[in-house]
């Protein structure tokens, strides 16, 4: 499931807590191995996964219910939750909450090939399709549906403020000069994203998602995707939330585009979208929404906010390094935007 460190790296105090937690379950523990934020527990019945969180008992209850319902409709690409001897979802110890699941054999996806990325897109579509068939009324989950047109407008106004701040500075540092030279181009891209959002059916689609309580994973990326042979699994359902399902897909694409293997190549994004929509249809207006969420200059705006609003105390070189990582894809993003717009036009005529 994940690369684990040996038990020697787990402190005695930590091990005692883990043993105490496992005493609530009906297993004999042989050994523990640490795996990022989880523990691989070797028991007399095989390996199990023990997760630790600072809060979120309701999230565990949500995950348990969702997985049970998914298994009932034969979606088995998720790990089963295991109840305590008393039938509880989790164990509370000190400031932590622990819960136990099946240990899935396999490895994290590397997502460095288009073949694997396409399989991940298919998995996400299968998950989105499956959760639509479930009665999710017993779940108590938050909504992540936001007023993105308002947020985009506010962020664009911030870009104008950054520009004003820089232009008024008597002494401009190298970062200031570089950031200023790109503000207009990123502003235009953000304006294009906002225009797409405004002309889409964003508000009606959002209302529908809110009324239907549309479930999203909200953290679909390689850390939460496992591959075991030809089978792919989606893990860590702690983050499930009510949102537009194209936001799940869009965030997945956007994060991939910043990888050097893909570098804002629209052909990669097209294959992801096509693989997804063969299983879970995407409307023309959803494609418009997704384009806006993908190409809006989130990273550029966040960097400016850290510098000119929050005055984050980073060295000049760190600021420049972060800006370089953003602008290195600037031309590629322009081409991506152009190709995506052509794709939408052709999609609308189909």
Protein backbone atom coordinates (compact mmCIF):
# COMPACT_ATOMS: atom_id res chain seq x y z
CA UNK A 1 0.00 0.00 0.00
CA UNK A 2 2.75 2.46 0.94
CA UNK A 3 6.45 2.25 1.70
CA UNK A 4 6.78 1.73 5.45
CA UNK A 5 9.50 2.33 8.01
CA UNK A 6 10.29 -0.40 10.50
CA UNK A 7 8.94 -0.51 14.03
CA UNK A 8 12.24 0.83 15.47
CA UNK A 9 11.22 4.27 14.22
CA UNK A 10 8.05 4.19 16.35
CA UNK A 11 8.68 5.44 19.89
CA UNK A 12 7.81 3.31 22.91
CA UNK A 13 5.18 5.83 23.96
CA UNK A 14 3.64 5.78 20.49
CA UNK A 15 3.69 2.00 20.38
CA UNK A 16 1.93 1.83 23.75
CA UNK A 17 -0.83 4.08 22.45
CA UNK A 18 -1.19 1.94 19.31
CA UNK A 19 -1.41 -1.25 21.36
CA UNK A 20 -4.02 0.40 23.57
CA UNK A 21 -6.04 1.41 20.50
CA UNK A 22 -5.83 -2.07 18.97
CA UNK A 23 -7.10 -3.61 22.23
CA UNK A 24 -10.52 -2.23 21.23
CA UNK A 25 -10.47 -4.52 18.18
CA UNK A 26 -10.66 -8.28 18.01
CA UNK A 27 -7.14 -8.93 16.68
CA UNK A 28 -3.83 -10.07 18.11
CA UNK A 29 -1.14 -7.57 17.09
CA UNK A 30 2.22 -8.88 15.92
CA UNK A 31 3.90 -5.69 14.75
CA UNK A 32 3.45 -2.07 13.59
CA UNK A 33 4.99 -0.24 10.64
CA UNK A 34 4.68 3.47 10.06
CA UNK A 35 3.36 4.65 6.68
CA UNK A 36 3.08 8.43 6.42
CA UNK A 37 0.02 9.37 8.50
CA UNK A 38 -1.09 5.76 8.90
CA UNK A 39 0.17 2.53 10.43
CA UNK A 40 0.40 -0.88 8.82
CA UNK A 41 -0.65 -3.29 11.52
CA UNK A 42 0.48 -6.92 11.29
CA UNK A 43 -2.07 -9.13 13.03
CA UNK A 44 -2.93 -12.81 13.39
CA UNK A 45 -5.45 -12.25 10.58
CA UNK A 46 -3.14 -10.43 8.19
CA UNK A 47 -2.34 -6.75 7.65
CA UNK A 48 -4.67 -3.87 8.52
CA UNK A 49 -4.45 -0.09 8.15
CA UNK A 50 -4.77 2.10 11.26
CA UNK A 51 -5.42 5.77 10.52
CA UNK A 52 -4.88 8.64 12.97
CA UNK A 53 -6.53 12.07 12.87
CA UNK A 54 -6.70 15.00 15.28
CA UNK A 55 -10.46 15.35 14.81
CA UNK A 56 -13.22 14.05 12.62
CA UNK A 57 -15.27 11.26 14.23
CA UNK A 58 -18.14 12.21 11.93
CA UNK A 59 -15.83 11.88 8.91
CA UNK A 60 -15.09 8.30 9.93
CA UNK A 61 -18.80 7.55 10.30
CA UNK A 62 -19.40 9.06 6.86
CA UNK A 63 -16.60 6.98 5.34
CA UNK A 64 -17.90 3.78 6.92
CA UNK A 65 -21.42 4.34 5.61
CA UNK A 66 -20.24 5.34 2.15
CA UNK A 67 -17.98 2.32 1.75
CA UNK A 68 -20.69 -0.07 2.92
CA UNK A 69 -23.11 1.39 0.39
CA UNK A 70 -20.52 1.30 -2.40
CA UNK A 71 -19.80 -2.35 -1.70
CA UNK A 72 -23.54 -3.05 -1.81
CA UNK A 73 -23.64 -1.84 -5.43
CA UNK A 74 -20.45 -3.77 -6.28
CA UNK A 75 -18.05 -0.82 -6.32
CA UNK A 76 -15.16 -2.57 -4.60
CA UNK A 77 -12.37 -0.11 -5.35
CA UNK A 78 -12.36 1.16 -1.76
CA UNK A 79 -11.08 -0.29 1.51
CA UNK A 80 -13.56 -1.75 4.03
CA UNK A 81 -13.83 -0.10 7.44
CA UNK A 82 -13.55 -2.28 10.54
CA UNK A 83 -15.65 -1.65 13.64
CA UNK A 84 -14.44 -2.09 17.23
CA UNK A 85 -15.60 -4.95 19.46
CA UNK A 86 -18.39 -2.63 20.64
CA UNK A 87 -19.41 -1.67 17.12
CA UNK A 88 -17.88 1.81 17.21
CA UNK A 89 -16.46 3.52 14.11
CA UNK A 90 -13.34 4.80 15.84
CA UNK A 91 -11.31 4.97 19.05
CA UNK A 92 -10.55 8.26 20.80
CA UNK A 93 -7.20 8.48 22.56
CA UNK A 94 -5.89 11.73 24.01
CA UNK A 95 -6.13 14.37 21.24
CA UNK A 96 -6.39 11.77 18.45
CA UNK A 97 -9.02 9.69 16.71
CA UNK A 98 -8.04 6.29 15.31
CA UNK A 99 -9.94 4.08 12.91
CA UNK A 100 -9.16 0.76 11.24
CA UNK A 101 -9.59 -0.38 7.64
CA UNK A 102 -8.64 -3.24 5.39
CA UNK A 103 -5.03 -3.08 4.15
CA UNK A 104 -5.02 -2.85 0.35
CA UNK A 105 -2.13 -4.47 -1.44
CA UNK A 106 -0.61 -2.27 -4.07
CA UNK A 107 1.43 0.88 -4.55
CA UNK A 108 0.77 4.57 -4.96
CA UNK A 109 0.23 5.62 -8.56
CA UNK A 110 3.20 7.42 -10.03
CA UNK A 111 0.94 9.11 -12.64
CA UNK A 112 3.91 9.81 -14.89
CA UNK A 113 2.43 8.11 -17.96
CA UNK A 114 -0.68 8.95 -19.93
CA UNK A 115 -1.84 5.32 -19.67
CA UNK A 116 -1.88 5.45 -15.89
CA UNK A 117 -3.45 8.90 -15.81
CA UNK A 118 -6.27 7.68 -18.05
CA UNK A 119 -6.89 4.73 -15.72
CA UNK A 120 -7.08 7.15 -12.80
CA UNK A 121 -9.61 9.29 -14.68
CA UNK A 122 -11.70 6.17 -15.28
CA UNK A 123 -11.54 5.35 -11.56
CA UNK A 124 -12.74 8.84 -10.65
CA UNK A 125 -15.62 8.58 -13.13
CA UNK A 126 -16.59 5.18 -11.73
CA UNK A 127 -16.55 6.60 -8.20
CA UNK A 128 -18.65 9.62 -9.21
CA UNK A 129 -21.13 7.38 -11.02
CA UNK A 130 -21.37 4.99 -8.06
CA UNK A 131 -22.02 7.64 -5.40
CA UNK A 132 -24.93 8.97 -7.46
CA UNK A 133 -26.70 5.64 -6.88
CA UNK A 134 -26.42 5.83 -3.10
CA UNK A 135 -28.85 7.29 -0.59
CA UNK A 136 -26.55 9.79 1.05
CA UNK A 137 -29.20 11.37 3.32
CA UNK A 138 -27.69 9.74 6.46
CA UNK A 139 -24.35 11.47 5.78
CA UNK A 140 -23.45 14.65 7.63
CA UNK A 141 -20.95 16.36 5.36
CA UNK A 142 -20.06 19.95 4.55
CA UNK A 143 -20.65 21.69 1.26
CA UNK A 144 -17.68 23.06 -0.66
CA UNK A 145 -19.87 24.81 -3.22
CA UNK A 146 -18.51 28.33 -3.51
CA UNK A 147 -19.43 31.46 -5.39
CA UNK A 148 -16.51 31.13 -7.80
CA UNK A 149 -17.52 34.09 -10.01
CA UNK A 150 -17.39 36.33 -6.92
CA UNK A 151 -14.10 34.79 -5.78
CA UNK A 152 -12.54 35.24 -9.23
CA UNK A 153 -13.68 38.87 -9.37
CA UNK A 154 -12.21 39.51 -5.94
CA UNK A 155 -8.91 37.87 -6.88
CA UNK A 156 -8.68 39.92 -10.08
CA UNK A 157 -9.24 43.06 -8.03
CA UNK A 158 -6.33 41.91 -5.84
CA UNK A 159 -4.09 41.69 -8.91
CA UNK A 160 -4.91 45.32 -9.66
CA UNK A 161 -4.00 46.22 -6.06
CA UNK A 162 -0.69 44.33 -6.33
CA UNK A 163 0.08 46.36 -9.45
CA UNK A 164 -0.73 49.63 -7.70
CA UNK A 165 1.42 48.70 -4.67
CA UNK A 166 4.42 47.82 -6.85
CA UNK A 167 4.14 50.91 -9.05
CA UNK A 168 4.04 53.15 -5.98
CA UNK A 169 7.20 51.61 -4.50
CA UNK A 170 10.22 53.90 -4.65
CA UNK A 171 12.62 50.94 -4.52
CA UNK A 172 11.53 47.94 -6.55
CA UNK A 173 13.27 44.62 -5.94
CA UNK A 174 13.91 42.06 -8.66
CA UNK A 175 10.83 40.10 -7.65
CA UNK A 176 8.66 43.22 -7.81
CA UNK A 177 9.85 44.00 -11.33
CA UNK A 178 9.38 40.43 -12.54
CA UNK A 179 5.96 40.04 -10.91
CA UNK A 180 4.80 43.38 -12.32
CA UNK A 181 5.86 42.41 -15.83
CA UNK A 182 3.49 39.41 -15.77
CA UNK A 183 0.48 40.87 -13.95
CA UNK A 184 -1.32 42.00 -17.10
CA UNK A 185 -1.03 38.65 -18.89
CA UNK A 186 -2.21 36.69 -15.85
CA UNK A 187 -5.00 39.22 -15.31
CA UNK A 188 -6.22 38.65 -18.87
CA UNK A 189 -6.18 34.89 -18.38
CA UNK A 190 -8.13 35.29 -15.16
CA UNK A 191 -10.63 37.54 -16.93
CA UNK A 192 -11.08 34.92 -19.64
CA UNK A 193 -11.74 32.30 -16.94
CA UNK A 194 -14.29 34.57 -15.27
CA UNK A 195 -16.06 35.21 -18.59
CA UNK A 196 -16.35 31.48 -19.22
CA UNK A 197 -17.75 31.00 -15.73
CA UNK A 198 -20.27 33.83 -16.12
CA UNK A 199 -21.59 32.58 -19.45
CA UNK A 200 -21.87 28.98 -18.21
CA UNK A 201 -24.79 27.60 -16.22
CA UNK A 202 -22.63 27.71 -13.09
CA UNK A 203 -25.32 28.79 -10.66
CA UNK A 204 -27.99 26.35 -11.85
CA UNK A 205 -25.48 23.47 -11.89
CA UNK A 206 -24.34 24.44 -8.39
CA UNK A 207 -27.94 24.53 -7.14
CA UNK A 208 -28.52 21.08 -8.61
CA UNK A 209 -25.37 19.74 -6.89
CA UNK A 210 -26.50 21.27 -3.59
CA UNK A 211 -30.03 19.86 -3.86
CA UNK A 212 -28.81 16.41 -4.88
CA UNK A 213 -25.94 16.47 -2.36
CA UNK A 214 -23.46 15.52 -5.05
CA UNK A 215 -20.48 13.76 -3.48
CA UNK A 216 -16.86 14.53 -4.40
CA UNK A 217 -13.65 13.01 -3.08
CA UNK A 218 -11.99 16.47 -2.88
CA UNK A 219 -8.45 15.06 -2.64
CA UNK A 220 -8.10 12.89 -5.73
CA UNK A 221 -4.40 12.68 -6.49
CA UNK A 222 -1.63 10.08 -6.54
CA UNK A 223 -1.35 9.83 -2.72
CA UNK A 224 -4.94 8.60 -2.59
CA UNK A 225 -4.86 6.29 -5.61
CA UNK A 226 -3.46 2.77 -5.32
CA UNK A 227 -2.68 0.31 -8.07
CA UNK A 228 -2.62 -3.44 -7.55
CA UNK A 229 -2.00 -5.12 -10.87
CA UNK A 230 -4.83 -4.05 -13.16
CA UNK A 231 -7.07 -2.82 -10.35
CA UNK A 232 -7.09 0.75 -9.07
CA UNK A 233 -8.35 1.84 -5.66
CA UNK A 234 -9.42 5.20 -4.25
CA UNK A 235 -8.51 5.67 -0.58
CA UNK A 236 -8.87 8.23 2.23
CA UNK A 237 -12.54 9.08 2.08
CA UNK A 238 -12.15 11.43 5.08
CA UNK A 239 -12.29 14.38 2.71
CA UNK A 240 -15.61 13.64 0.95
CA UNK A 241 -17.67 16.77 0.46
CA UNK A 242 -20.62 18.19 -1.46
CA UNK A 243 -19.33 19.90 -4.60
CA UNK A 244 -19.41 19.91 -8.39
CA UNK A 245 -17.95 16.63 -9.61
CA UNK A 246 -16.13 18.47 -12.40
CA UNK A 247 -14.22 20.26 -9.63
CA UNK A 248 -12.72 16.88 -8.66
CA UNK A 249 -11.78 16.25 -12.28
CA UNK A 250 -10.57 19.81 -12.88
CA UNK A 251 -8.29 19.86 -9.83
CA UNK A 252 -6.85 16.51 -10.91
CA UNK A 253 -6.07 17.89 -14.38
CA UNK A 254 -4.66 21.17 -13.05
CA UNK A 255 -2.26 19.42 -10.66
CA UNK A 256 -1.12 17.08 -13.42
CA UNK A 257 -0.44 19.95 -15.81
CA UNK A 258 2.23 21.34 -13.49
CA UNK A 259 4.20 18.09 -13.74
CA UNK A 260 7.11 18.21 -16.18
CA UNK A 261 5.85 15.04 -17.90
CA UNK A 262 2.72 16.87 -19.09
CA UNK A 263 3.59 20.61 -18.97
CA UNK A 264 0.15 21.95 -19.92
CA UNK A 265 -0.20 19.72 -22.95
CA UNK A 266 -3.91 19.88 -23.81
CA UNK A 267 -3.76 16.53 -25.59
CA UNK A 268 -3.16 14.94 -22.18
CA UNK A 269 -6.12 16.82 -20.69
CA UNK A 270 -8.28 15.82 -23.66
CA UNK A 271 -7.53 12.14 -23.15
CA UNK A 272 -8.34 12.47 -19.44
CA UNK A 273 -11.67 14.18 -20.19
CA UNK A 274 -12.58 11.64 -22.89
CA UNK A 275 -11.74 8.69 -20.62
CA UNK A 276 -13.82 10.20 -17.82
CA UNK A 277 -16.86 11.10 -19.90
CA UNK A 278 -17.13 7.64 -21.44
CA UNK A 279 -18.23 6.57 -17.96
CA UNK A 280 -19.71 9.74 -16.46
CA UNK A 281 -21.04 12.27 -18.98
CA UNK A 282 -19.82 15.87 -18.84
CA UNK A 283 -22.04 18.60 -20.25
CA UNK A 284 -20.88 21.51 -22.39
CA UNK A 285 -21.51 23.94 -19.54
CA UNK A 286 -19.62 21.74 -17.08
CA UNK A 287 -16.66 21.84 -19.47
CA UNK A 288 -16.84 25.64 -19.40
CA UNK A 289 -16.85 25.63 -15.60
CA UNK A 290 -13.94 23.22 -15.51
CA UNK A 291 -11.92 25.33 -17.94
CA UNK A 292 -12.37 28.36 -15.70
CA UNK A 293 -11.30 26.46 -12.59
CA UNK A 294 -8.24 25.00 -14.34
CA UNK A 295 -6.80 28.10 -16.02
CA UNK A 296 -7.55 30.81 -13.48
CA UNK A 297 -4.12 31.99 -12.18
CA UNK A 298 -4.57 30.67 -8.62
CA UNK A 299 -0.85 30.19 -7.96
CA UNK A 300 0.15 33.63 -9.28
CA UNK A 301 -2.54 35.34 -7.17
CA UNK A 302 -1.56 33.38 -4.03
CA UNK A 303 2.10 34.33 -4.44
CA UNK A 304 1.19 38.00 -4.80
CA UNK A 305 -1.05 37.80 -1.74
CA UNK A 306 1.79 36.37 0.34
CA UNK A 307 4.13 39.14 -0.80
CA UNK A 308 1.97 42.26 -0.84
CA UNK A 309 -0.89 41.56 1.60
CA UNK A 310 0.52 39.15 4.16
CA UNK A 311 4.13 40.33 3.87
CA UNK A 312 5.37 36.79 4.36
CA UNK A 313 9.01 36.88 5.42
CA UNK A 314 10.63 34.84 2.67
CA UNK A 315 13.99 35.68 1.19
CA UNK A 316 14.07 37.39 -2.21
CA UNK A 317 15.48 34.28 -3.87
CA UNK A 318 12.68 32.09 -2.52
CA UNK A 319 10.07 34.48 -3.93
CA UNK A 320 11.85 34.56 -7.29
CA UNK A 321 12.16 30.76 -7.35
CA UNK A 322 8.42 30.35 -6.75
CA UNK A 323 7.60 32.92 -9.42
CA UNK A 324 9.92 31.19 -11.92
CA UNK A 325 8.08 27.89 -11.33
CA UNK A 326 4.82 29.62 -12.23
CA UNK A 327 5.86 31.65 -15.26
CA UNK A 328 7.82 28.81 -16.84
CA UNK A 329 4.44 27.46 -18.00
CA UNK A 330 3.02 30.83 -19.05
CA UNK A 331 3.17 30.31 -22.83
CA UNK A 332 2.13 26.68 -22.52
CA UNK A 333 -0.93 27.77 -20.53
CA UNK A 334 -1.90 30.19 -23.30
CA UNK A 335 -1.75 27.35 -25.81
CA UNK A 336 -3.67 25.08 -23.42
CA UNK A 337 -6.40 27.71 -23.09
CA UNK A 338 -6.61 28.10 -26.89
CA UNK A 339 -6.83 24.35 -27.50
CA UNK A 340 -9.37 23.83 -24.72
CA UNK A 341 -11.59 26.58 -26.18
CA UNK A 342 -11.44 24.91 -29.60
CA UNK A 343 -12.32 21.59 -27.96
CA UNK A 344 -15.37 23.15 -26.29
CA UNK A 345 -16.53 24.68 -29.58
CA UNK A 346 -16.32 21.31 -31.31
CA UNK A 347 -17.95 19.63 -28.32
CA UNK A 348 -20.90 22.02 -28.53
CA UNK A 349 -21.43 21.16 -32.20
CA UNK A 350 -21.50 17.41 -31.59
